[in-house]
Amino acid sequence: MNRKFYLSSTDKKLGGVCGGIAEYFGIDSLLVRIAFLVLILGCGTGLLAYIILWILAPKK
């Protein structure tokens, strides 16, 4: 299995990061969005991770 992480062009609200992660792992994007929200509200690292992934991840 040779799969690669890309920003989602179809399942995106802001940058496509959560949709891309959901497509990569084959899970619902709502779960990924909730996880990022918990990380953002809990310790603030979710926002930094989201921005880094948004900048570095290739577009599909």
PDB file of N, CA and C in Angstrom:
ATOM      1  N   MET A   1       0.832  -1.167   0.000  1.00  0.00           N
ATOM      2  CA  MET A   1       0.000   0.000   0.000  1.00  0.00           C
ATOM      3  C   MET A   1       0.890   1.248   0.000  1.00  0.00           C
ATOM      4  N   ASN A   2       0.780   2.025  -1.025  1.00  0.00           N
ATOM      5  CA  ASN A   2       1.587   3.236  -1.147  1.00  0.00           C
ATOM      6  C   ASN A   2       0.651   4.432  -1.180  1.00  0.00           C
ATOM      7  N   ARG A   3       0.310   4.923  -0.018  1.00  0.00           N
ATOM      8  CA  ARG A   3      -0.581   6.076   0.035  1.00  0.00           C
ATOM      9  C   ARG A   3       0.181   7.272   0.581  1.00  0.00           C
ATOM     10  N   LYS A   4      -0.306   8.442   0.254  1.00  0.00           N
ATOM     11  CA  LYS A   4       0.362   9.671   0.610  1.00  0.00           C
ATOM     12  C   LYS A   4      -0.660  10.669   1.136  1.00  0.00           C
ATOM     13  N   PHE A   5      -0.226  11.515   2.055  1.00  0.00           N
ATOM     14  CA  PHE A   5      -1.113  12.513   2.637  1.00  0.00           C
ATOM     15  C   PHE A   5      -1.160  13.747   1.748  1.00  0.00           C
ATOM     16  N   TYR A   6      -2.359  14.174   1.423  1.00  0.00           N
ATOM     17  CA  TYR A   6      -2.595  15.384   0.646  1.00  0.00           C
ATOM     18  C   TYR A   6      -3.668  16.215   1.342  1.00  0.00           C
ATOM     19  N   LEU A   7      -3.654  17.514   1.094  1.00  0.00           N
ATOM     20  CA  LEU A   7      -4.762  18.351   1.522  1.00  0.00           C
ATOM     21  C   LEU A   7      -5.985  17.968   0.695  1.00  0.00           C
ATOM     22  N   SER A   8      -7.115  17.870   1.341  1.00  0.00           N
ATOM     23  CA  SER A   8      -8.330  17.497   0.629  1.00  0.00           C
ATOM     24  C   SER A   8      -8.866  18.688  -0.163  1.00  0.00           C
ATOM     25  N   SER A   9      -9.243  18.417  -1.384  1.00  0.00           N
ATOM     26  CA  SER A   9      -9.835  19.482  -2.199  1.00  0.00           C
ATOM     27  C   SER A   9     -11.356  19.400  -2.186  1.00  0.00           C
ATOM     28  N   THR A  10     -11.891  18.286  -1.716  1.00  0.00           N
ATOM     29  CA  THR A  10     -13.345  18.113  -1.709  1.00  0.00           C
ATOM     30  C   THR A  10     -13.947  18.238  -0.317  1.00  0.00           C
ATOM     31  N   ASP A  11     -13.229  17.797   0.707  1.00  0.00           N
ATOM     32  CA  ASP A  11     -13.741  17.812   2.076  1.00  0.00           C
ATOM     33  C   ASP A  11     -12.941  18.805   2.902  1.00  0.00           C
ATOM     34  N   LYS A  12     -13.213  20.086   2.663  1.00  0.00           N
ATOM     35  CA  LYS A  12     -12.468  21.093   3.411  1.00  0.00           C
ATOM     36  C   LYS A  12     -13.378  22.197   3.888  1.00  0.00           C
ATOM     37  N   LYS A  13     -13.038  22.729   5.041  1.00  0.00           N
ATOM     38  CA  LYS A  13     -13.752  23.863   5.610  1.00  0.00           C
ATOM     39  C   LYS A  13     -12.853  25.093   5.578  1.00  0.00           C
ATOM     40  N   LEU A  14     -11.578  24.898   5.893  1.00  0.00           N
ATOM     41  CA  LEU A  14     -10.634  26.000   5.912  1.00  0.00           C
ATOM     42  C   LEU A  14      -9.480  25.711   4.951  1.00  0.00           C
ATOM     43  N   GLY A  15      -8.644  24.758   5.293  1.00  0.00           N
ATOM     44  CA  GLY A  15      -7.486  24.490   4.455  1.00  0.00           C
ATOM     45  C   GLY A  15      -7.450  23.088   3.871  1.00  0.00           C
ATOM     46  N   GLY A  16      -8.299  22.210   4.318  1.00  0.00           N
ATOM     47  CA  GLY A  16      -8.326  20.845   3.816  1.00  0.00           C
ATOM     48  C   GLY A  16      -7.468  19.881   4.603  1.00  0.00           C
ATOM     49  N   VAL A  17      -6.905  20.338   5.723  1.00  0.00           N
ATOM     50  CA  VAL A  17      -6.028  19.489   6.526  1.00  0.00           C
ATOM     51  C   VAL A  17      -6.811  18.348   7.164  1.00  0.00           C
ATOM     52  N   CYS A  18      -7.894  18.663   7.837  1.00  0.00           N
ATOM     53  CA  CYS A  18      -8.685  17.627   8.515  1.00  0.00           C
ATOM     54  C   CYS A  18      -9.286  16.648   7.513  1.00  0.00           C
ATOM     55  N   GLY A  19      -9.760  17.150   6.398  1.00  0.00           N
ATOM     56  CA  GLY A  19     -10.293  16.273   5.357  1.00  0.00           C
ATOM     57  C   GLY A  19      -9.224  15.365   4.784  1.00  0.00           C
ATOM     58  N   GLY A  20      -8.026  15.887   4.619  1.00  0.00           N
ATOM     59  CA  GLY A  20      -6.913  15.080   4.113  1.00  0.00           C
ATOM     60  C   GLY A  20      -6.500  13.993   5.085  1.00  0.00           C
ATOM     61  N   ILE A  21      -6.458  14.333   6.365  1.00  0.00           N
ATOM     62  CA  ILE A  21      -6.125  13.339   7.388  1.00  0.00           C
ATOM     63  C   ILE A  21      -7.195  12.257   7.431  1.00  0.00           C
ATOM     64  N   ALA A  22      -8.448  12.664   7.340  1.00  0.00           N
ATOM     65  CA  ALA A  22      -9.551  11.701   7.358  1.00  0.00           C
ATOM     66  C   ALA A  22      -9.492  10.773   6.149  1.00  0.00           C
ATOM     67  N   GLU A  23      -9.186  11.303   4.975  1.00  0.00           N
ATOM     68  CA  GLU A  23      -9.060  10.472   3.779  1.00  0.00           C
ATOM     69  C   GLU A  23      -7.882   9.514   3.913  1.00  0.00           C
ATOM     70  N   TYR A  24      -6.786   9.977   4.473  1.00  0.00           N
ATOM     71  CA  TYR A  24      -5.591   9.144   4.626  1.00  0.00           C
ATOM     72  C   TYR A  24      -5.855   7.949   5.530  1.00  0.00           C
ATOM     73  N   PHE A  25      -6.533   8.193   6.655  1.00  0.00           N
ATOM     74  CA  PHE A  25      -6.795   7.117   7.608  1.00  0.00           C
ATOM     75  C   PHE A  25      -8.119   6.410   7.375  1.00  0.00           C
ATOM     76  N   GLY A  26      -8.950   6.913   6.466  1.00  0.00           N
ATOM     77  CA  GLY A  26     -10.219   6.270   6.165  1.00  0.00           C
ATOM     78  C   GLY A  26     -11.245   6.426   7.269  1.00  0.00           C
ATOM     79  N   ILE A  27     -11.262   7.584   7.926  1.00  0.00           N
ATOM     80  CA  ILE A  27     -12.220   7.843   8.989  1.00  0.00           C
ATOM     81  C   ILE A  27     -13.047   9.077   8.642  1.00  0.00           C
ATOM     82  N   ASP A  28     -14.050   9.345   9.447  1.00  0.00           N
ATOM     83  CA  ASP A  28     -14.922  10.490   9.222  1.00  0.00           C
ATOM     84  C   ASP A  28     -14.178  11.785   9.556  1.00  0.00           C
ATOM     85  N   SER A  29     -14.300  12.777   8.710  1.00  0.00           N
ATOM     86  CA  SER A  29     -13.589  14.034   8.920  1.00  0.00           C
ATOM     87  C   SER A  29     -14.083  14.789  10.145  1.00  0.00           C
ATOM     88  N   LEU A  30     -15.316  14.554  10.553  1.00  0.00           N
ATOM     89  CA  LEU A  30     -15.842  15.198  11.757  1.00  0.00           C
ATOM     90  C   LEU A  30     -15.040  14.783  12.987  1.00  0.00           C
ATOM     91  N   LEU A  31     -14.631  13.518  13.046  1.00  0.00           N
ATOM     92  CA  LEU A  31     -13.822  13.053  14.173  1.00  0.00           C
ATOM     93  C   LEU A  31     -12.472  13.763  14.214  1.00  0.00           C
ATOM     94  N   VAL A  32     -11.880  13.972  13.069  1.00  0.00           N
ATOM     95  CA  VAL A  32     -10.594  14.666  12.999  1.00  0.00           C
ATOM     96  C   VAL A  32     -10.767  16.125  13.406  1.00  0.00           C
ATOM     97  N   ARG A  33     -11.833  16.751  12.954  1.00  0.00           N
ATOM     98  CA  ARG A  33     -12.087  18.145  13.321  1.00  0.00           C
ATOM     99  C   ARG A  33     -12.307  18.299  14.827  1.00  0.00           C
ATOM    100  N   ILE A  34     -13.024  17.350  15.421  1.00  0.00           N
ATOM    101  CA  ILE A  34     -13.241  17.382  16.871  1.00  0.00           C
ATOM    102  C   ILE A  34     -11.910  17.207  17.600  1.00  0.00           C
ATOM    103  N   ALA A  35     -11.062  16.309  17.120  1.00  0.00           N
ATOM    104  CA  ALA A  35      -9.755  16.099  17.748  1.00  0.00           C
ATOM    105  C   ALA A  35      -8.912  17.373  17.689  1.00  0.00           C
ATOM    106  N   PHE A  36      -8.907  18.054  16.542  1.00  0.00           N
ATOM    107  CA  PHE A  36      -8.160  19.306  16.442  1.00  0.00           C
ATOM    108  C   PHE A  36      -8.750  20.365  17.363  1.00  0.00           C
ATOM    109  N   LEU A  37     -10.054  20.423  17.470  1.00  0.00           N
ATOM    110  CA  LEU A  37     -10.693  21.391  18.356  1.00  0.00           C
ATOM    111  C   LEU A  37     -10.308  21.141  19.808  1.00  0.00           C
ATOM    112  N   VAL A  38     -10.280  19.881  20.207  1.00  0.00           N
ATOM    113  CA  VAL A  38      -9.877  19.537  21.572  1.00  0.00           C
ATOM    114  C   VAL A  38      -8.422  19.941  21.808  1.00  0.00           C
ATOM    115  N   LEU A  39      -7.557  19.686  20.834  1.00  0.00           N
ATOM    116  CA  LEU A  39      -6.154  20.077  20.972  1.00  0.00           C
ATOM    117  C   LEU A  39      -5.983  21.589  21.025  1.00  0.00           C
ATOM    118  N   ILE A  40      -6.768  22.294  20.246  1.00  0.00           N
ATOM    119  CA  ILE A  40      -6.678  23.761  20.243  1.00  0.00           C
ATOM    120  C   ILE A  40      -7.149  24.326  21.574  1.00  0.00           C
ATOM    121  N   LEU A  41      -8.286  23.862  22.053  1.00  0.00           N
ATOM    122  CA  LEU A  41      -8.834  24.384  23.302  1.00  0.00           C
ATOM    123  C   LEU A  41      -8.086  23.876  24.531  1.00  0.00           C
ATOM    124  N   GLY A  42      -7.546  22.673  24.435  1.00  0.00           N
ATOM    125  CA  GLY A  42      -6.874  22.077  25.581  1.00  0.00           C
ATOM    126  C   GLY A  42      -5.504  22.667  25.854  1.00  0.00           C
ATOM    127  N   CYS A  43      -4.644  22.636  24.867  1.00  0.00           N
ATOM    128  CA  CYS A  43      -3.282  23.098  25.120  1.00  0.00           C
ATOM    129  C   CYS A  43      -2.741  24.005  24.014  1.00  0.00           C
ATOM    130  N   GLY A  44      -3.504  24.246  22.989  1.00  0.00           N
ATOM    131  CA  GLY A  44      -3.100  25.184  21.947  1.00  0.00           C
ATOM    132  C   GLY A  44      -2.205  24.611  20.868  1.00  0.00           C
ATOM    133  N   THR A  45      -1.779  23.363  21.019  1.00  0.00           N
ATOM    134  CA  THR A  45      -0.871  22.790  20.023  1.00  0.00           C
ATOM    135  C   THR A  45      -1.583  22.417  18.725  1.00  0.00           C
ATOM    136  N   GLY A  46      -2.874  22.232  18.793  1.00  0.00           N
ATOM    137  CA  GLY A  46      -3.629  21.856  17.599  1.00  0.00           C
ATOM    138  C   GLY A  46      -3.576  22.929  16.527  1.00  0.00           C
ATOM    139  N   LEU A  47      -3.628  24.171  16.933  1.00  0.00           N
ATOM    140  CA  LEU A  47      -3.575  25.271  15.976  1.00  0.00           C
ATOM    141  C   LEU A  47      -2.223  25.325  15.284  1.00  0.00           C
ATOM    142  N   LEU A  48      -1.165  25.157  16.037  1.00  0.00           N
ATOM    143  CA  LEU A  48       0.172  25.150  15.452  1.00  0.00           C
ATOM    144  C   LEU A  48       0.342  23.974  14.492  1.00  0.00           C
ATOM    145  N   ALA A  49      -0.129  22.807  14.894  1.00  0.00           N
ATOM    146  CA  ALA A  49      -0.039  21.624  14.033  1.00  0.00           C
ATOM    147  C   ALA A  49      -0.842  21.821  12.756  1.00  0.00           C
ATOM    148  N   TYR A  50      -2.026  22.402  12.869  1.00  0.00           N
ATOM    149  CA  TYR A  50      -2.877  22.639  11.705  1.00  0.00           C
ATOM    150  C   TYR A  50      -2.182  23.581  10.718  1.00  0.00           C
ATOM    151  N   ILE A  51      -1.622  24.667  11.229  1.00  0.00           N
ATOM    152  CA  ILE A  51      -0.954  25.640  10.360  1.00  0.00           C
ATOM    153  C   ILE A  51       0.261  25.030   9.686  1.00  0.00           C
ATOM    154  N   ILE A  52       1.037  24.254  10.422  1.00  0.00           N
ATOM    155  CA  ILE A  52       2.227  23.613   9.830  1.00  0.00           C
ATOM    156  C   ILE A  52       1.809  22.638   8.738  1.00  0.00           C
ATOM    157  N   LEU A  53       0.797  21.815   9.013  1.00  0.00           N
ATOM    158  CA  LEU A  53       0.327  20.877   7.989  1.00  0.00           C
ATOM    159  C   LEU A  53      -0.242  21.591   6.782  1.00  0.00           C
ATOM    160  N   TRP A  54      -0.926  22.690   6.999  1.00  0.00           N
ATOM    161  CA  TRP A  54      -1.519  23.468   5.909  1.00  0.00           C
ATOM    162  C   TRP A  54      -0.426  24.017   4.996  1.00  0.00           C
ATOM    163  N   ILE A  55       0.678  24.441   5.581  1.00  0.00           N
ATOM    164  CA  ILE A  55       1.767  25.024   4.802  1.00  0.00           C
ATOM    165  C   ILE A  55       2.582  23.940   4.092  1.00  0.00           C
ATOM    166  N   LEU A  56       2.863  22.839   4.770  1.00  0.00           N
ATOM    167  CA  LEU A  56       3.794  21.843   4.247  1.00  0.00           C
ATOM    168  C   LEU A  56       3.162  20.746   3.391  1.00  0.00           C
ATOM    169  N   ALA A  57       1.898  20.441   3.620  1.00  0.00           N
ATOM    170  CA  ALA A  57       1.266  19.334   2.896  1.00  0.00           C
ATOM    171  C   ALA A  57       0.981  19.730   1.443  1.00  0.00           C
ATOM    172  N   PRO A  58       1.227  18.799   0.520  1.00  0.00           N
ATOM    173  CA  PRO A  58       0.929  19.091  -0.885  1.00  0.00           C
ATOM    174  C   PRO A  58      -0.564  19.048  -1.174  1.00  0.00           C
ATOM    175  N   LYS A  59      -0.973  19.802  -2.164  1.00  0.00           N
ATOM    176  CA  LYS A  59      -2.372  19.778  -2.600  1.00  0.00           C
ATOM    177  C   LYS A  59      -2.568  18.612  -3.541  1.00  0.00           C
ATOM    178  N   LYS A  60      -3.754  18.053  -3.542  1.00  0.00           N
ATOM    179  CA  LYS A  60      -4.052  16.904  -4.380  1.00  0.00           C
ATOM    180  C   LYS A  60      -4.289  17.317  -5.799  1.00  0.00           C
TER     181      LYS A  60
END
